[in-house]
Amino acid sequence: MGFRKISLQEQLVTSIEKVIEKTGTYRSIAEFVSEAVRLRIEDIEKQDRARKRLEKHEEEDQHHE
């Protein structure tokens, strides 16, 4: 697995640094950002699956009318 560099606004970096210092949960900004992105992707995928299930049920309901 490769790595890529990204740019973040300084204000966002400062906020992340505060969270890291306050919680002690993350070892680095990169670790924090990687987890945040992974969780956001999971959330988007979950929403997409729910939307598709809803669309499928709506289509099935239309066929039963």
PDB file of N, CA and C in Angstrom:
ATOM      1  N   MET A   1       0.848  -1.176   0.000  1.00  0.00           N
ATOM      2  CA  MET A   1       0.000   0.000   0.000  1.00  0.00           C
ATOM      3  C   MET A   1       0.889   1.233   0.000  1.00  0.00           C
ATOM      4  N   GLY A   2       0.630   2.150  -0.901  1.00  0.00           N
ATOM      5  CA  GLY A   2       1.418   3.369  -0.997  1.00  0.00           C
ATOM      6  C   GLY A   2       0.844   4.484  -0.144  1.00  0.00           C
ATOM      7  N   PHE A   3       1.531   5.574  -0.161  1.00  0.00           N
ATOM      8  CA  PHE A   3       1.100   6.751   0.585  1.00  0.00           C
ATOM      9  C   PHE A   3       1.038   7.943  -0.352  1.00  0.00           C
ATOM     10  N   ARG A   4       0.180   8.907  -0.006  1.00  0.00           N
ATOM     11  CA  ARG A   4       0.090  10.157  -0.759  1.00  0.00           C
ATOM     12  C   ARG A   4       0.052  11.295   0.235  1.00  0.00           C
ATOM     13  N   LYS A   5       0.576  12.403  -0.165  1.00  0.00           N
ATOM     14  CA  LYS A   5       0.543  13.598   0.671  1.00  0.00           C
ATOM     15  C   LYS A   5      -0.698  14.401   0.343  1.00  0.00           C
ATOM     16  N   ILE A   6      -1.249  15.030   1.377  1.00  0.00           N
ATOM     17  CA  ILE A   6      -2.377  15.929   1.177  1.00  0.00           C
ATOM     18  C   ILE A   6      -2.099  17.227   1.935  1.00  0.00           C
ATOM     19  N   SER A   7      -2.812  18.262   1.582  1.00  0.00           N
ATOM     20  CA  SER A   7      -2.680  19.536   2.280  1.00  0.00           C
ATOM     21  C   SER A   7      -3.933  19.785   3.094  1.00  0.00           C
ATOM     22  N   LEU A   8      -3.740  20.307   4.289  1.00  0.00           N
ATOM     23  CA  LEU A   8      -4.855  20.658   5.161  1.00  0.00           C
ATOM     24  C   LEU A   8      -4.697  22.104   5.591  1.00  0.00           C
ATOM     25  N   GLN A   9      -5.811  22.773   5.783  1.00  0.00           N
ATOM     26  CA  GLN A   9      -5.757  24.137   6.282  1.00  0.00           C
ATOM     27  C   GLN A   9      -5.126  24.132   7.673  1.00  0.00           C
ATOM     28  N   GLU A  10      -4.343  25.147   7.961  1.00  0.00           N
ATOM     29  CA  GLU A  10      -3.633  25.225   9.236  1.00  0.00           C
ATOM     30  C   GLU A  10      -4.587  25.146  10.425  1.00  0.00           C
ATOM     31  N   GLN A  11      -5.737  25.778  10.303  1.00  0.00           N
ATOM     32  CA  GLN A  11      -6.720  25.754  11.396  1.00  0.00           C
ATOM     33  C   GLN A  11      -7.182  24.325  11.689  1.00  0.00           C
ATOM     34  N   LEU A  12      -7.362  23.533  10.644  1.00  0.00           N
ATOM     35  CA  LEU A  12      -7.773  22.144  10.815  1.00  0.00           C
ATOM     36  C   LEU A  12      -6.658  21.336  11.473  1.00  0.00           C
ATOM     37  N   VAL A  13      -5.434  21.566  11.052  1.00  0.00           N
ATOM     38  CA  VAL A  13      -4.286  20.874  11.649  1.00  0.00           C
ATOM     39  C   VAL A  13      -4.188  21.208  13.138  1.00  0.00           C
ATOM     40  N   THR A  14      -4.374  22.476  13.474  1.00  0.00           N
ATOM     41  CA  THR A  14      -4.323  22.891  14.876  1.00  0.00           C
ATOM     42  C   THR A  14      -5.409  22.187  15.687  1.00  0.00           C
ATOM     43  N   SER A  15      -6.606  22.082  15.132  1.00  0.00           N
ATOM     44  CA  SER A  15      -7.699  21.384  15.817  1.00  0.00           C
ATOM     45  C   SER A  15      -7.368  19.914  16.027  1.00  0.00           C
ATOM     46  N   ILE A  16      -6.792  19.299  15.022  1.00  0.00           N
ATOM     47  CA  ILE A  16      -6.409  17.887  15.123  1.00  0.00           C
ATOM     48  C   ILE A  16      -5.337  17.709  16.196  1.00  0.00           C
ATOM     49  N   GLU A  17      -4.358  18.594  16.202  1.00  0.00           N
ATOM     50  CA  GLU A  17      -3.294  18.521  17.201  1.00  0.00           C
ATOM     51  C   GLU A  17      -3.856  18.633  18.616  1.00  0.00           C
ATOM     52  N   LYS A  18      -4.837  19.488  18.799  1.00  0.00           N
ATOM     53  CA  LYS A  18      -5.473  19.632  20.111  1.00  0.00           C
ATOM     54  C   LYS A  18      -6.181  18.344  20.525  1.00  0.00           C
ATOM     55  N   VAL A  19      -6.875  17.725  19.579  1.00  0.00           N
ATOM     56  CA  VAL A  19      -7.562  16.462  19.871  1.00  0.00           C
ATOM     57  C   VAL A  19      -6.547  15.387  20.242  1.00  0.00           C
ATOM     58  N   ILE A  20      -5.473  15.309  19.487  1.00  0.00           N
ATOM     59  CA  ILE A  20      -4.434  14.311  19.753  1.00  0.00           C
ATOM     60  C   ILE A  20      -3.849  14.522  21.150  1.00  0.00           C
ATOM     61  N   GLU A  21      -3.553  15.764  21.469  1.00  0.00           N
ATOM     62  CA  GLU A  21      -2.972  16.084  22.778  1.00  0.00           C
ATOM     63  C   GLU A  21      -3.963  15.799  23.903  1.00  0.00           C
ATOM     64  N   LYS A  22      -5.216  16.160  23.680  1.00  0.00           N
ATOM     65  CA  LYS A  22      -6.245  16.015  24.706  1.00  0.00           C
ATOM     66  C   LYS A  22      -6.591  14.552  24.980  1.00  0.00           C
ATOM     67  N   THR A  23      -6.711  13.762  23.918  1.00  0.00           N
ATOM     68  CA  THR A  23      -7.182  12.382  24.075  1.00  0.00           C
ATOM     69  C   THR A  23      -6.064  11.361  24.224  1.00  0.00           C
ATOM     70  N   GLY A  24      -4.933  11.631  23.592  1.00  0.00           N
ATOM     71  CA  GLY A  24      -3.853  10.653  23.612  1.00  0.00           C
ATOM     72  C   GLY A  24      -4.177   9.385  22.839  1.00  0.00           C
ATOM     73  N   THR A  25      -5.253   9.431  22.061  1.00  0.00           N
ATOM     74  CA  THR A  25      -5.714   8.252  21.331  1.00  0.00           C
ATOM     75  C   THR A  25      -4.915   8.008  20.053  1.00  0.00           C
ATOM     76  N   TYR A  26      -4.434   9.059  19.451  1.00  0.00           N
ATOM     77  CA  TYR A  26      -3.752   8.956  18.162  1.00  0.00           C
ATOM     78  C   TYR A  26      -2.276   9.281  18.317  1.00  0.00           C
ATOM     79  N   ARG A  27      -1.455   8.618  17.510  1.00  0.00           N
ATOM     80  CA  ARG A  27      -0.006   8.845  17.553  1.00  0.00           C
ATOM     81  C   ARG A  27       0.439   9.972  16.648  1.00  0.00           C
ATOM     82  N   SER A  28      -0.415  10.308  15.663  1.00  0.00           N
ATOM     83  CA  SER A  28      -0.006  11.323  14.702  1.00  0.00           C
ATOM     84  C   SER A  28      -1.222  11.917  14.006  1.00  0.00           C
ATOM     85  N   ILE A  29      -0.991  13.033  13.342  1.00  0.00           N
ATOM     86  CA  ILE A  29      -2.042  13.650  12.531  1.00  0.00           C
ATOM     87  C   ILE A  29      -2.457  12.684  11.425  1.00  0.00           C
ATOM     88  N   ALA A  30      -1.493  12.024  10.821  1.00  0.00           N
ATOM     89  CA  ALA A  30      -1.800  11.083   9.737  1.00  0.00           C
ATOM     90  C   ALA A  30      -2.715   9.961  10.227  1.00  0.00           C
ATOM     91  N   GLU A  31      -2.444   9.441  11.417  1.00  0.00           N
ATOM     92  CA  GLU A  31      -3.287   8.374  11.960  1.00  0.00           C
ATOM     93  C   GLU A  31      -4.712   8.891  12.198  1.00  0.00           C
ATOM     94  N   PHE A  32      -4.820  10.091  12.760  1.00  0.00           N
ATOM     95  CA  PHE A  32      -6.129  10.691  13.003  1.00  0.00           C
ATOM     96  C   PHE A  32      -6.894  10.879  11.698  1.00  0.00           C
ATOM     97  N   VAL A  33      -6.246  11.472  10.719  1.00  0.00           N
ATOM     98  CA  VAL A  33      -6.901  11.760   9.439  1.00  0.00           C
ATOM     99  C   VAL A  33      -7.274  10.457   8.733  1.00  0.00           C
ATOM    100  N   SER A  34      -6.401   9.471   8.772  1.00  0.00           N
ATOM    101  CA  SER A  34      -6.708   8.185   8.131  1.00  0.00           C
ATOM    102  C   SER A  34      -7.951   7.560   8.737  1.00  0.00           C
ATOM    103  N   GLU A  35      -8.046   7.585  10.067  1.00  0.00           N
ATOM    104  CA  GLU A  35      -9.227   7.007  10.705  1.00  0.00           C
ATOM    105  C   GLU A  35     -10.474   7.831  10.389  1.00  0.00           C
ATOM    106  N   ALA A  36     -10.347   9.153  10.419  1.00  0.00           N
ATOM    107  CA  ALA A  36     -11.493  10.014  10.121  1.00  0.00           C
ATOM    108  C   ALA A  36     -12.013   9.762   8.705  1.00  0.00           C
ATOM    109  N   VAL A  37     -11.119   9.640   7.759  1.00  0.00           N
ATOM    110  CA  VAL A  37     -11.508   9.393   6.369  1.00  0.00           C
ATOM    111  C   VAL A  37     -12.138   8.009   6.245  1.00  0.00           C
ATOM    112  N   ARG A  38     -11.529   7.007   6.870  1.00  0.00           N
ATOM    113  CA  ARG A  38     -12.080   5.648   6.815  1.00  0.00           C
ATOM    114  C   ARG A  38     -13.495   5.617   7.384  1.00  0.00           C
ATOM    115  N   LEU A  39     -13.698   6.264   8.531  1.00  0.00           N
ATOM    116  CA  LEU A  39     -15.029   6.284   9.143  1.00  0.00           C
ATOM    117  C   LEU A  39     -16.035   7.021   8.267  1.00  0.00           C
ATOM    118  N   ARG A  40     -15.608   8.099   7.633  1.00  0.00           N
ATOM    119  CA  ARG A  40     -16.506   8.856   6.755  1.00  0.00           C
ATOM    120  C   ARG A  40     -16.890   8.040   5.528  1.00  0.00           C
ATOM    121  N   ILE A  41     -15.921   7.322   4.974  1.00  0.00           N
ATOM    122  CA  ILE A  41     -16.208   6.452   3.820  1.00  0.00           C
ATOM    123  C   ILE A  41     -17.199   5.373   4.226  1.00  0.00           C
ATOM    124  N   GLU A  42     -16.995   4.758   5.390  1.00  0.00           N
ATOM    125  CA  GLU A  42     -17.930   3.738   5.873  1.00  0.00           C
ATOM    126  C   GLU A  42     -19.333   4.317   6.025  1.00  0.00           C
ATOM    127  N   ASP A  43     -19.424   5.545   6.544  1.00  0.00           N
ATOM    128  CA  ASP A  43     -20.710   6.202   6.728  1.00  0.00           C
ATOM    129  C   ASP A  43     -21.400   6.441   5.381  1.00  0.00           C
ATOM    130  N   ILE A  44     -20.652   6.933   4.420  1.00  0.00           N
ATOM    131  CA  ILE A  44     -21.213   7.184   3.083  1.00  0.00           C
ATOM    132  C   ILE A  44     -21.679   5.882   2.451  1.00  0.00           C
ATOM    133  N   GLU A  45     -20.878   4.828   2.572  1.00  0.00           N
ATOM    134  CA  GLU A  45     -21.263   3.532   2.005  1.00  0.00           C
ATOM    135  C   GLU A  45     -22.505   2.980   2.692  1.00  0.00           C
ATOM    136  N   LYS A  46     -22.611   3.164   4.000  1.00  0.00           N
ATOM    137  CA  LYS A  46     -23.787   2.710   4.739  1.00  0.00           C
ATOM    138  C   LYS A  46     -25.027   3.465   4.275  1.00  0.00           C
ATOM    139  N   GLN A  47     -24.901   4.789   4.107  1.00  0.00           N
ATOM    140  CA  GLN A  47     -26.022   5.590   3.613  1.00  0.00           C
ATOM    141  C   GLN A  47     -26.425   5.149   2.209  1.00  0.00           C
ATOM    142  N   ASP A  48     -25.450   4.845   1.372  1.00  0.00           N
ATOM    143  CA  ASP A  48     -25.720   4.412   0.007  1.00  0.00           C
ATOM    144  C   ASP A  48     -26.468   3.078   0.000  1.00  0.00           C
ATOM    145  N   ARG A  49     -26.034   2.148   0.868  1.00  0.00           N
ATOM    146  CA  ARG A  49     -26.727   0.855   0.948  1.00  0.00           C
ATOM    147  C   ARG A  49     -28.165   1.039   1.419  1.00  0.00           C
ATOM    148  N   ALA A  50     -28.370   1.915   2.403  1.00  0.00           N
ATOM    149  CA  ALA A  50     -29.722   2.169   2.912  1.00  0.00           C
ATOM    150  C   ALA A  50     -30.588   2.795   1.821  1.00  0.00           C
ATOM    151  N   ARG A  51     -30.014   3.736   1.057  1.00  0.00           N
ATOM    152  CA  ARG A  51     -30.755   4.374  -0.033  1.00  0.00           C
ATOM    153  C   ARG A  51     -31.154   3.348  -1.081  1.00  0.00           C
ATOM    154  N   LYS A  52     -30.229   2.446  -1.424  1.00  0.00           N
ATOM    155  CA  LYS A  52     -30.526   1.416  -2.422  1.00  0.00           C
ATOM    156  C   LYS A  52     -31.609   0.458  -1.926  1.00  0.00           C
ATOM    157  N   ARG A  53     -31.558   0.105  -0.621  1.00  0.00           N
ATOM    158  CA  ARG A  53     -32.599  -0.770  -0.068  1.00  0.00           C
ATOM    159  C   ARG A  53     -33.958  -0.083  -0.137  1.00  0.00           C
ATOM    160  N   LEU A  54     -33.992   1.199   0.200  1.00  0.00           N
ATOM    161  CA  LEU A  54     -35.237   1.952   0.158  1.00  0.00           C
ATOM    162  C   LEU A  54     -35.773   2.022  -1.267  1.00  0.00           C
ATOM    163  N   GLU A  55     -34.905   2.296  -2.231  1.00  0.00           N
ATOM    164  CA  GLU A  55     -35.328   2.350  -3.630  1.00  0.00           C
ATOM    165  C   GLU A  55     -35.875   0.997  -4.086  1.00  0.00           C
ATOM    166  N   LYS A  56     -35.219  -0.066  -3.652  1.00  0.00           N
ATOM    167  CA  LYS A  56     -35.661  -1.413  -4.027  1.00  0.00           C
ATOM    168  C   LYS A  56     -37.044  -1.694  -3.457  1.00  0.00           C
ATOM    169  N   HIS A  57     -37.252  -1.320  -2.183  1.00  0.00           N
ATOM    170  CA  HIS A  57     -38.567  -1.536  -1.570  1.00  0.00           C
ATOM    171  C   HIS A  57     -39.640  -0.701  -2.245  1.00  0.00           C
ATOM    172  N   GLU A  58     -39.291   0.524  -2.634  1.00  0.00           N
ATOM    173  CA  GLU A  58     -40.254   1.376  -3.324  1.00  0.00           C
ATOM    174  C   GLU A  58     -40.631   0.778  -4.677  1.00  0.00           C
ATOM    175  N   GLU A  59     -39.645   0.211  -5.384  1.00  0.00           N
ATOM    176  CA  GLU A  59     -39.917  -0.425  -6.669  1.00  0.00           C
ATOM    177  C   GLU A  59     -40.816  -1.649  -6.470  1.00  0.00           C
ATOM    178  N   GLU A  60     -40.522  -2.437  -5.435  1.00  0.00           N
ATOM    179  CA  GLU A  60     -41.352  -3.621  -5.161  1.00  0.00           C
ATOM    180  C   GLU A  60     -42.779  -3.226  -4.811  1.00  0.00           C
ATOM    181  N   ASP A  61     -42.897  -2.154  -4.045  1.00  0.00           N
ATOM    182  CA  ASP A  61     -44.252  -1.688  -3.686  1.00  0.00           C
ATOM    183  C   ASP A  61     -45.023  -1.227  -4.917  1.00  0.00           C
ATOM    184  N   GLN A  62     -44.340  -0.587  -5.871  1.00  0.00           N
ATOM    185  CA  GLN A  62     -44.995  -0.128  -7.093  1.00  0.00           C
ATOM    186  C   GLN A  62     -45.460  -1.319  -7.926  1.00  0.00           C
ATOM    187  N   HIS A  63     -44.706  -2.403  -7.904  1.00  0.00           N
ATOM    188  CA  HIS A  63     -45.096  -3.589  -8.673  1.00  0.00           C
ATOM    189  C   HIS A  63     -46.298  -4.283  -8.054  1.00  0.00           C
ATOM    190  N   HIS A  64     -46.495  -4.125  -6.768  1.00  0.00           N
ATOM    191  CA  HIS A  64     -47.616  -4.777  -6.090  1.00  0.00           C
ATOM    192  C   HIS A  64     -48.903  -3.964  -6.162  1.00  0.00           C
ATOM    193  N   GLU A  65     -48.812  -2.757  -6.679  1.00  0.00           N
ATOM    194  CA  GLU A  65     -50.020  -1.914  -6.777  1.00  0.00           C
ATOM    195  C   GLU A  65     -50.825  -2.252  -8.009  1.00  0.00           C
TER     196      GLU A  65
END
